[in-house]
Amino acid sequence: IFTLHADHEQNASTSTVRLAGSSGANPFACISAGIAC
């Protein structure tokens, strides 16, 4: 289950992490944003 869910291209949460990170935000904060999405 972990392996199958490890990544899935540019989905909503991944795009959220990238968008948050594009401002130079802390990676822990970026992952938190991804979890919220």
PDB file of all heavy atoms in Angstrom:
ATOM      1  N   ILE A   1       0.842  -1.204   0.000  1.00  0.00           N
ATOM      2  CA  ILE A   1       0.000   0.000   0.000  1.00  0.00           C
ATOM      3  C   ILE A   1       0.875   1.251   0.000  1.00  0.00           C
ATOM      4  O   ILE A   1       0.629   2.198  -0.757  1.00  0.00           O
ATOM      5  CB  ILE A   1      -0.963   0.003   1.214  1.00  0.00           C
ATOM      6  CG1 ILE A   1      -2.065  -1.036   1.008  1.00  0.00           C
ATOM      7  CG2 ILE A   1      -1.568   1.391   1.422  1.00  0.00           C
ATOM      8  CD1 ILE A   1      -3.014  -1.168   2.187  1.00  0.00           C
ATOM      9  N   PHE A   2       1.917   1.258   0.837  1.00  0.00           N
ATOM     10  CA  PHE A   2       2.842   2.396   0.867  1.00  0.00           C
ATOM     11  C   PHE A   2       3.470   2.616  -0.505  1.00  0.00           C
ATOM     12  O   PHE A   2       3.533   3.748  -1.005  1.00  0.00           O
ATOM     13  CB  PHE A   2       3.946   2.156   1.901  1.00  0.00           C
ATOM     14  CG  PHE A   2       3.518   2.224   3.338  1.00  0.00           C
ATOM     15  CD1 PHE A   2       4.366   1.783   4.349  1.00  0.00           C
ATOM     16  CD2 PHE A   2       2.281   2.742   3.689  1.00  0.00           C
ATOM     17  CE1 PHE A   2       3.986   1.851   5.665  1.00  0.00           C
ATOM     18  CE2 PHE A   2       1.894   2.812   5.022  1.00  0.00           C
ATOM     19  CZ  PHE A   2       2.747   2.362   6.006  1.00  0.00           C
ATOM     20  N   THR A   3       3.940   1.541  -1.120  1.00  0.00           N
ATOM     21  CA  THR A   3       4.604   1.638  -2.424  1.00  0.00           C
ATOM     22  C   THR A   3       3.662   2.184  -3.494  1.00  0.00           C
ATOM     23  O   THR A   3       4.038   3.056  -4.290  1.00  0.00           O
ATOM     24  CB  THR A   3       5.138   0.258  -2.850  1.00  0.00           C
ATOM     25  OG1 THR A   3       6.218  -0.124  -1.975  1.00  0.00           O
ATOM     26  CG2 THR A   3       5.653   0.270  -4.284  1.00  0.00           C
ATOM     27  N   LEU A   4       2.436   1.686  -3.517  1.00  0.00           N
ATOM     28  CA  LEU A   4       1.480   2.084  -4.544  1.00  0.00           C
ATOM     29  C   LEU A   4       1.048   3.542  -4.422  1.00  0.00           C
ATOM     30  O   LEU A   4       0.600   4.148  -5.393  1.00  0.00           O
ATOM     31  CB  LEU A   4       0.245   1.187  -4.500  1.00  0.00           C
ATOM     32  CG  LEU A   4       0.465  -0.302  -4.752  1.00  0.00           C
ATOM     33  CD1 LEU A   4      -0.862  -1.052  -4.770  1.00  0.00           C
ATOM     34  CD2 LEU A   4       1.204  -0.538  -6.069  1.00  0.00           C
ATOM     35  N   HIS A   5       1.183   4.109  -3.223  1.00  0.00           N
ATOM     36  CA  HIS A   5       0.759   5.489  -2.986  1.00  0.00           C
ATOM     37  C   HIS A   5       1.925   6.470  -2.879  1.00  0.00           C
ATOM     38  O   HIS A   5       1.715   7.648  -2.594  1.00  0.00           O
ATOM     39  CB  HIS A   5      -0.080   5.560  -1.699  1.00  0.00           C
ATOM     40  CG  HIS A   5      -1.441   4.937  -1.822  1.00  0.00           C
ATOM     41  ND1 HIS A   5      -1.656   3.593  -1.641  1.00  0.00           N
ATOM     42  CD2 HIS A   5      -2.650   5.465  -2.114  1.00  0.00           C
ATOM     43  CE1 HIS A   5      -2.945   3.324  -1.812  1.00  0.00           C
ATOM     44  NE2 HIS A   5      -3.572   4.431  -2.107  1.00  0.00           N
ATOM     45  N   ALA A   6       3.131   6.015  -3.162  1.00  0.00           N
ATOM     46  CA  ALA A   6       4.320   6.850  -2.924  1.00  0.00           C
ATOM     47  C   ALA A   6       4.360   8.113  -3.781  1.00  0.00           C
ATOM     48  O   ALA A   6       4.791   9.170  -3.323  1.00  0.00           O
ATOM     49  CB  ALA A   6       5.589   6.023  -3.134  1.00  0.00           C
ATOM     50  N   ASP A   7       3.907   8.016  -5.014  1.00  0.00           N
ATOM     51  CA  ASP A   7       3.877   9.200  -5.878  1.00  0.00           C
ATOM     52  C   ASP A   7       2.893   8.965  -7.009  1.00  0.00           C
ATOM     53  O   ASP A   7       2.595   7.809  -7.351  1.00  0.00           O
ATOM     54  CB  ASP A   7       5.262   9.519  -6.450  1.00  0.00           C
ATOM     55  CG  ASP A   7       5.365  10.961  -6.952  1.00  0.00           C
ATOM     56  OD1 ASP A   7       4.983  11.875  -6.211  1.00  0.00           O
ATOM     57  OD2 ASP A   7       5.847  11.166  -8.078  1.00  0.00           O
ATOM     58  N   HIS A   8       2.378  10.050  -7.587  1.00  0.00           N
ATOM     59  CA  HIS A   8       1.384   9.890  -8.655  1.00  0.00           C
ATOM     60  C   HIS A   8       1.347  11.133  -9.525  1.00  0.00           C
ATOM     61  O   HIS A   8       0.296  11.697  -9.772  1.00  0.00           O
ATOM     62  CB  HIS A   8      -0.001   9.585  -8.067  1.00  0.00           C
ATOM     63  CG  HIS A   8      -0.867   8.774  -8.983  1.00  0.00           C
ATOM     64  ND1 HIS A   8      -2.089   9.195  -9.450  1.00  0.00           N
ATOM     65  CD2 HIS A   8      -0.666   7.540  -9.496  1.00  0.00           C
ATOM     66  CE1 HIS A   8      -2.599   8.268 -10.243  1.00  0.00           C
ATOM     67  NE2 HIS A   8      -1.786   7.243 -10.280  1.00  0.00           N
ATOM     68  N   GLU A   9       2.494  11.539 -10.016  1.00  0.00           N
ATOM     69  CA  GLU A   9       2.633  12.669 -10.927  1.00  0.00           C
ATOM     70  C   GLU A   9       2.116  13.963 -10.289  1.00  0.00           C
ATOM     71  O   GLU A   9       2.159  14.124  -9.082  1.00  0.00           O
ATOM     72  CB  GLU A   9       1.915  12.350 -12.255  1.00  0.00           C
ATOM     73  CG  GLU A   9       2.677  12.782 -13.487  1.00  0.00           C
ATOM     74  CD  GLU A   9       1.905  12.560 -14.748  1.00  0.00           C
ATOM     75  OE1 GLU A   9       0.893  13.235 -14.952  1.00  0.00           O
ATOM     76  OE2 GLU A   9       2.299  11.707 -15.553  1.00  0.00           O
ATOM     77  N   GLN A  10       1.590  14.883 -11.089  1.00  0.00           N
ATOM     78  CA  GLN A  10       1.220  16.221 -10.603  1.00  0.00           C
ATOM     79  C   GLN A  10      -0.250  16.291 -10.179  1.00  0.00           C
ATOM     80  O   GLN A  10      -1.058  17.018 -10.747  1.00  0.00           O
ATOM     81  CB  GLN A  10       1.543  17.266 -11.670  1.00  0.00           C
ATOM     82  CG  GLN A  10       2.982  17.273 -12.151  1.00  0.00           C
ATOM     83  CD  GLN A  10       3.974  17.362 -11.018  1.00  0.00           C
ATOM     84  OE1 GLN A  10       3.815  18.211 -10.123  1.00  0.00           O
ATOM     85  NE2 GLN A  10       4.995  16.513 -11.030  1.00  0.00           N
ATOM     86  N   ASN A  11      -0.614  15.524  -9.188  1.00  0.00           N
ATOM     87  CA  ASN A  11      -1.967  15.564  -8.654  1.00  0.00           C
ATOM     88  C   ASN A  11      -2.171  16.806  -7.779  1.00  0.00           C
ATOM     89  O   ASN A  11      -1.251  17.614  -7.603  1.00  0.00           O
ATOM     90  CB  ASN A  11      -2.247  14.291  -7.856  1.00  0.00           C
ATOM     91  CG  ASN A  11      -1.157  14.050  -6.821  1.00  0.00           C
ATOM     92  OD1 ASN A  11      -1.141  14.695  -5.771  1.00  0.00           O
ATOM     93  ND2 ASN A  11      -0.226  13.147  -7.110  1.00  0.00           N
ATOM     94  N   ALA A  12      -3.365  16.946  -7.198  1.00  0.00           N
ATOM     95  CA  ALA A  12      -3.696  18.162  -6.444  1.00  0.00           C
ATOM     96  C   ALA A  12      -2.755  18.404  -5.270  1.00  0.00           C
ATOM     97  O   ALA A  12      -2.249  19.516  -5.071  1.00  0.00           O
ATOM     98  CB  ALA A  12      -5.149  18.097  -5.952  1.00  0.00           C
ATOM     99  N   SER A  13      -2.484  17.367  -4.463  1.00  0.00           N
ATOM    100  CA  SER A  13      -1.635  17.565  -3.284  1.00  0.00           C
ATOM    101  C   SER A  13      -0.177  17.799  -3.666  1.00  0.00           C
ATOM    102  O   SER A  13       0.505  18.625  -3.044  1.00  0.00           O
ATOM    103  CB  SER A  13      -1.756  16.372  -2.328  1.00  0.00           C
ATOM    104  OG  SER A  13      -1.419  15.158  -2.964  1.00  0.00           O
ATOM    105  N   THR A  14       0.312  17.096  -4.686  1.00  0.00           N
ATOM    106  CA  THR A  14       1.684  17.304  -5.143  1.00  0.00           C
ATOM    107  C   THR A  14       1.855  18.710  -5.698  1.00  0.00           C
ATOM    108  O   THR A  14       2.855  19.382  -5.427  1.00  0.00           O
ATOM    109  CB  THR A  14       2.061  16.257  -6.202  1.00  0.00           C
ATOM    110  OG1 THR A  14       1.970  14.952  -5.631  1.00  0.00           O
ATOM    111  CG2 THR A  14       3.478  16.477  -6.723  1.00  0.00           C
ATOM    112  N   SER A  15       0.866  19.161  -6.462  1.00  0.00           N
ATOM    113  CA  SER A  15       0.914  20.523  -6.988  1.00  0.00           C
ATOM    114  C   SER A  15       0.870  21.549  -5.858  1.00  0.00           C
ATOM    115  O   SER A  15       1.499  22.605  -5.935  1.00  0.00           O
ATOM    116  CB  SER A  15      -0.265  20.757  -7.943  1.00  0.00           C
ATOM    117  OG  SER A  15      -0.188  19.874  -9.055  1.00  0.00           O
ATOM    118  N   THR A  16       0.140  21.228  -4.782  1.00  0.00           N
ATOM    119  CA  THR A  16       0.088  22.105  -3.612  1.00  0.00           C
ATOM    120  C   THR A  16       1.459  22.220  -2.960  1.00  0.00           C
ATOM    121  O   THR A  16       1.900  23.315  -2.604  1.00  0.00           O
ATOM    122  CB  THR A  16      -0.943  21.572  -2.593  1.00  0.00           C
ATOM    123  OG1 THR A  16      -2.247  21.575  -3.187  1.00  0.00           O
ATOM    124  CG2 THR A  16      -0.955  22.424  -1.328  1.00  0.00           C
ATOM    125  N   VAL A  17       2.128  21.080  -2.799  1.00  0.00           N
ATOM    126  CA  VAL A  17       3.472  21.078  -2.210  1.00  0.00           C
ATOM    127  C   VAL A  17       4.425  21.903  -3.070  1.00  0.00           C
ATOM    128  O   VAL A  17       5.206  22.711  -2.558  1.00  0.00           O
ATOM    129  CB  VAL A  17       3.988  19.638  -2.036  1.00  0.00           C
ATOM    130  CG1 VAL A  17       5.465  19.638  -1.638  1.00  0.00           C
ATOM    131  CG2 VAL A  17       3.166  18.885  -0.997  1.00  0.00           C
ATOM    132  N   ARG A  18       4.354  21.703  -4.393  1.00  0.00           N
ATOM    133  CA  ARG A  18       5.218  22.460  -5.298  1.00  0.00           C
ATOM    134  C   ARG A  18       4.906  23.959  -5.223  1.00  0.00           C
ATOM    135  O   ARG A  18       5.834  24.787  -5.189  1.00  0.00           O
ATOM    136  CB  ARG A  18       5.071  21.956  -6.731  1.00  0.00           C
ATOM    137  CG  ARG A  18       5.876  20.694  -7.047  1.00  0.00           C
ATOM    138  CD  ARG A  18       5.701  20.300  -8.499  1.00  0.00           C
ATOM    139  NE  ARG A  18       6.598  19.237  -8.928  1.00  0.00           N
ATOM    140  CZ  ARG A  18       7.759  19.394  -9.548  1.00  0.00           C
ATOM    141  NH1 ARG A  18       8.193  20.633  -9.799  1.00  0.00           N
ATOM    142  NH2 ARG A  18       8.502  18.368  -9.913  1.00  0.00           N
ATOM    143  N   LEU A  19       3.644  24.323  -5.204  1.00  0.00           N
ATOM    144  CA  LEU A  19       3.273  25.736  -5.173  1.00  0.00           C
ATOM    145  C   LEU A  19       3.723  26.385  -3.868  1.00  0.00           C
ATOM    146  O   LEU A  19       4.273  27.494  -3.879  1.00  0.00           O
ATOM    147  CB  LEU A  19       1.761  25.888  -5.345  1.00  0.00           C
ATOM    148  CG  LEU A  19       1.232  27.314  -5.530  1.00  0.00           C
ATOM    149  CD1 LEU A  19       1.848  27.969  -6.763  1.00  0.00           C
ATOM    150  CD2 LEU A  19      -0.289  27.315  -5.655  1.00  0.00           C
ATOM    151  N   ALA A  20       3.514  25.695  -2.746  1.00  0.00           N
ATOM    152  CA  ALA A  20       3.983  26.214  -1.458  1.00  0.00           C
ATOM    153  C   ALA A  20       5.495  26.330  -1.445  1.00  0.00           C
ATOM    154  O   ALA A  20       6.063  27.333  -0.985  1.00  0.00           O
ATOM    155  CB  ALA A  20       3.497  25.314  -0.322  1.00  0.00           C
ATOM    156  N   GLY A  21       6.166  25.328  -1.963  1.00  0.00           N
ATOM    157  CA  GLY A  21       7.627  25.332  -1.984  1.00  0.00           C
ATOM    158  C   GLY A  21       8.225  26.366  -2.911  1.00  0.00           C
ATOM    159  O   GLY A  21       9.365  26.800  -2.717  1.00  0.00           O
ATOM    160  N   SER A  22       7.452  26.770  -3.929  1.00  0.00           N
ATOM    161  CA  SER A  22       7.971  27.735  -4.892  1.00  0.00           C
ATOM    162  C   SER A  22       8.256  29.093  -4.255  1.00  0.00           C
ATOM    163  O   SER A  22       9.010  29.892  -4.808  1.00  0.00           O
ATOM    164  CB  SER A  22       7.000  27.901  -6.069  1.00  0.00           C
ATOM    165  OG  SER A  22       5.848  28.647  -5.690  1.00  0.00           O
ATOM    166  N   SER A  23       7.667  29.369  -3.100  1.00  0.00           N
ATOM    167  CA  SER A  23       7.931  30.623  -2.395  1.00  0.00           C
ATOM    168  C   SER A  23       9.172  30.536  -1.519  1.00  0.00           C
ATOM    169  O   SER A  23       9.563  31.533  -0.903  1.00  0.00           O
ATOM    170  CB  SER A  23       6.729  31.001  -1.528  1.00  0.00           C
ATOM    171  OG  SER A  23       6.636  30.121  -0.399  1.00  0.00           O
ATOM    172  N   GLY A  24       9.785  29.335  -1.456  1.00  0.00           N
ATOM    173  CA  GLY A  24      10.929  29.131  -0.572  1.00  0.00           C
ATOM    174  C   GLY A  24      10.537  28.716   0.828  1.00  0.00           C
ATOM    175  O   GLY A  24      11.338  28.771   1.754  1.00  0.00           O
ATOM    176  N   ALA A  25       9.273  28.276   0.996  1.00  0.00           N
ATOM    177  CA  ALA A  25       8.760  27.895   2.309  1.00  0.00           C
ATOM    178  C   ALA A  25       9.497  26.674   2.866  1.00  0.00           C
ATOM    179  O   ALA A  25      10.059  25.862   2.130  1.00  0.00           O
ATOM    180  CB  ALA A  25       7.263  27.611   2.229  1.00  0.00           C
ATOM    181  N   ASN A  26       9.475  26.552   4.190  1.00  0.00           N
ATOM    182  CA  ASN A  26      10.085  25.418   4.873  1.00  0.00           C
ATOM    183  C   ASN A  26       9.470  24.108   4.364  1.00  0.00           C
ATOM    184  O   ASN A  26       8.249  24.002   4.203  1.00  0.00           O
ATOM    185  CB  ASN A  26       9.840  25.574   6.385  1.00  0.00           C
ATOM    186  CG  ASN A  26      10.504  24.500   7.198  1.00  0.00           C
ATOM    187  OD1 ASN A  26      10.059  23.358   7.222  1.00  0.00           O
ATOM    188  ND2 ASN A  26      11.581  24.868   7.891  1.00  0.00           N
ATOM    189  N   PRO A  27      10.276  23.070   4.102  1.00  0.00           N
ATOM    190  CA  PRO A  27       9.729  21.828   3.548  1.00  0.00           C
ATOM    191  C   PRO A  27       8.706  21.155   4.456  1.00  0.00           C
ATOM    192  O   PRO A  27       7.761  20.526   3.965  1.00  0.00           O
ATOM    193  CB  PRO A  27      10.959  20.939   3.344  1.00  0.00           C
ATOM    194  CG  PRO A  27      12.024  21.540   4.192  1.00  0.00           C
ATOM    195  CD  PRO A  27      11.741  23.005   4.219  1.00  0.00           C
ATOM    196  N   PHE A  28       8.864  21.288   5.785  1.00  0.00           N
ATOM    197  CA  PHE A  28       7.882  20.707   6.693  1.00  0.00           C
ATOM    198  C   PHE A  28       6.529  21.398   6.521  1.00  0.00           C
ATOM    199  O   PHE A  28       5.477  20.757   6.542  1.00  0.00           O
ATOM    200  CB  PHE A  28       8.353  20.820   8.143  1.00  0.00           C
ATOM    201  CG  PHE A  28       9.659  20.107   8.418  1.00  0.00           C
ATOM    202  CD1 PHE A  28      10.764  20.798   8.856  1.00  0.00           C
ATOM    203  CD2 PHE A  28       9.769  18.747   8.234  1.00  0.00           C
ATOM    204  CE1 PHE A  28      11.963  20.156   9.109  1.00  0.00           C
ATOM    205  CE2 PHE A  28      10.975  18.081   8.485  1.00  0.00           C
ATOM    206  CZ  PHE A  28      12.072  18.795   8.923  1.00  0.00           C
ATOM    207  N   ALA A  29       6.559  22.717   6.335  1.00  0.00           N
ATOM    208  CA  ALA A  29       5.325  23.472   6.086  1.00  0.00           C
ATOM    209  C   ALA A  29       4.712  23.074   4.744  1.00  0.00           C
ATOM    210  O   ALA A  29       3.487  22.966   4.612  1.00  0.00           O
ATOM    211  CB  ALA A  29       5.600  24.973   6.120  1.00  0.00           C
ATOM    212  N   CYS A  30       5.557  22.831   3.736  1.00  0.00           N
ATOM    213  CA  CYS A  30       5.071  22.417   2.414  1.00  0.00           C
ATOM    214  C   CYS A  30       4.357  21.066   2.495  1.00  0.00           C
ATOM    215  O   CYS A  30       3.304  20.873   1.884  1.00  0.00           O
ATOM    216  CB  CYS A  30       6.228  22.335   1.420  1.00  0.00           C
ATOM    217  SG  CYS A  30       7.019  23.922   1.081  1.00  0.00           S
ATOM    218  N   ILE A  31       4.935  20.133   3.233  1.00  0.00           N
ATOM    219  CA  ILE A  31       4.315  18.812   3.397  1.00  0.00           C
ATOM    220  C   ILE A  31       3.003  18.934   4.162  1.00  0.00           C
ATOM    221  O   ILE A  31       2.020  18.260   3.855  1.00  0.00           O
ATOM    222  CB  ILE A  31       5.276  17.825   4.085  1.00  0.00           C
ATOM    223  CG1 ILE A  31       6.542  17.644   3.250  1.00  0.00           C
ATOM    224  CG2 ILE A  31       4.589  16.478   4.333  1.00  0.00           C
ATOM    225  CD1 ILE A  31       6.316  17.177   1.830  1.00  0.00           C
ATOM    226  N   SER A  32       2.952  19.801   5.157  1.00  0.00           N
ATOM    227  CA  SER A  32       1.715  20.050   5.890  1.00  0.00           C
ATOM    228  C   SER A  32       0.624  20.560   4.942  1.00  0.00           C
ATOM    229  O   SER A  32      -0.539  20.150   5.041  1.00  0.00           O
ATOM    230  CB  SER A  32       1.955  21.072   7.011  1.00  0.00           C
ATOM    231  OG  SER A  32       0.767  21.354   7.712  1.00  0.00           O
ATOM    232  N   ALA A  33       1.008  21.434   4.009  1.00  0.00           N
ATOM    233  CA  ALA A  33       0.056  21.938   3.007  1.00  0.00           C
ATOM    234  C   ALA A  33      -0.440  20.793   2.121  1.00  0.00           C
ATOM    235  O   ALA A  33      -1.627  20.720   1.780  1.00  0.00           O
ATOM    236  CB  ALA A  33       0.707  23.026   2.158  1.00  0.00           C
ATOM    237  N   GLY A  34       0.464  19.896   1.749  1.00  0.00           N
ATOM    238  CA  GLY A  34       0.082  18.734   0.949  1.00  0.00           C
ATOM    239  C   GLY A  34      -0.889  17.835   1.690  1.00  0.00           C
ATOM    240  O   GLY A  34      -1.851  17.320   1.102  1.00  0.00           O
ATOM    241  N   ILE A  35      -0.669  17.640   2.992  1.00  0.00           N
ATOM    242  CA  ILE A  35      -1.564  16.820   3.810  1.00  0.00           C
ATOM    243  C   ILE A  35      -2.959  17.442   3.851  1.00  0.00           C
ATOM    244  O   ILE A  35      -3.970  16.748   3.733  1.00  0.00           O
ATOM    245  CB  ILE A  35      -0.990  16.657   5.233  1.00  0.00           C
ATOM    246  CG1 ILE A  35       0.303  15.811   5.192  1.00  0.00           C
ATOM    247  CG2 ILE A  35      -2.006  15.998   6.166  1.00  0.00           C
ATOM    248  CD1 ILE A  35       1.076  15.814   6.503  1.00  0.00           C
ATOM    249  N   ALA A  36      -3.009  18.761   4.019  1.00  0.00           N
ATOM    250  CA  ALA A  36      -4.295  19.466   4.050  1.00  0.00           C
ATOM    251  C   ALA A  36      -5.069  19.260   2.750  1.00  0.00           C
ATOM    252  O   ALA A  36      -6.277  19.008   2.753  1.00  0.00           O
ATOM    253  CB  ALA A  36      -4.074  20.956   4.308  1.00  0.00           C
ATOM    254  N   CYS A  37      -4.364  19.343   1.616  1.00  0.00           N
ATOM    255  CA  CYS A  37      -5.007  19.139   0.315  1.00  0.00           C
ATOM    256  C   CYS A  37      -5.471  17.690   0.147  1.00  0.00           C
ATOM    257  O   CYS A  37      -6.563  17.424  -0.359  1.00  0.00           O
ATOM    258  CB  CYS A  37      -4.054  19.534  -0.805  1.00  0.00           C
ATOM    259  SG  CYS A  37      -4.739  19.313  -2.461  1.00  0.00           S
TER     260      CYS A  37
END
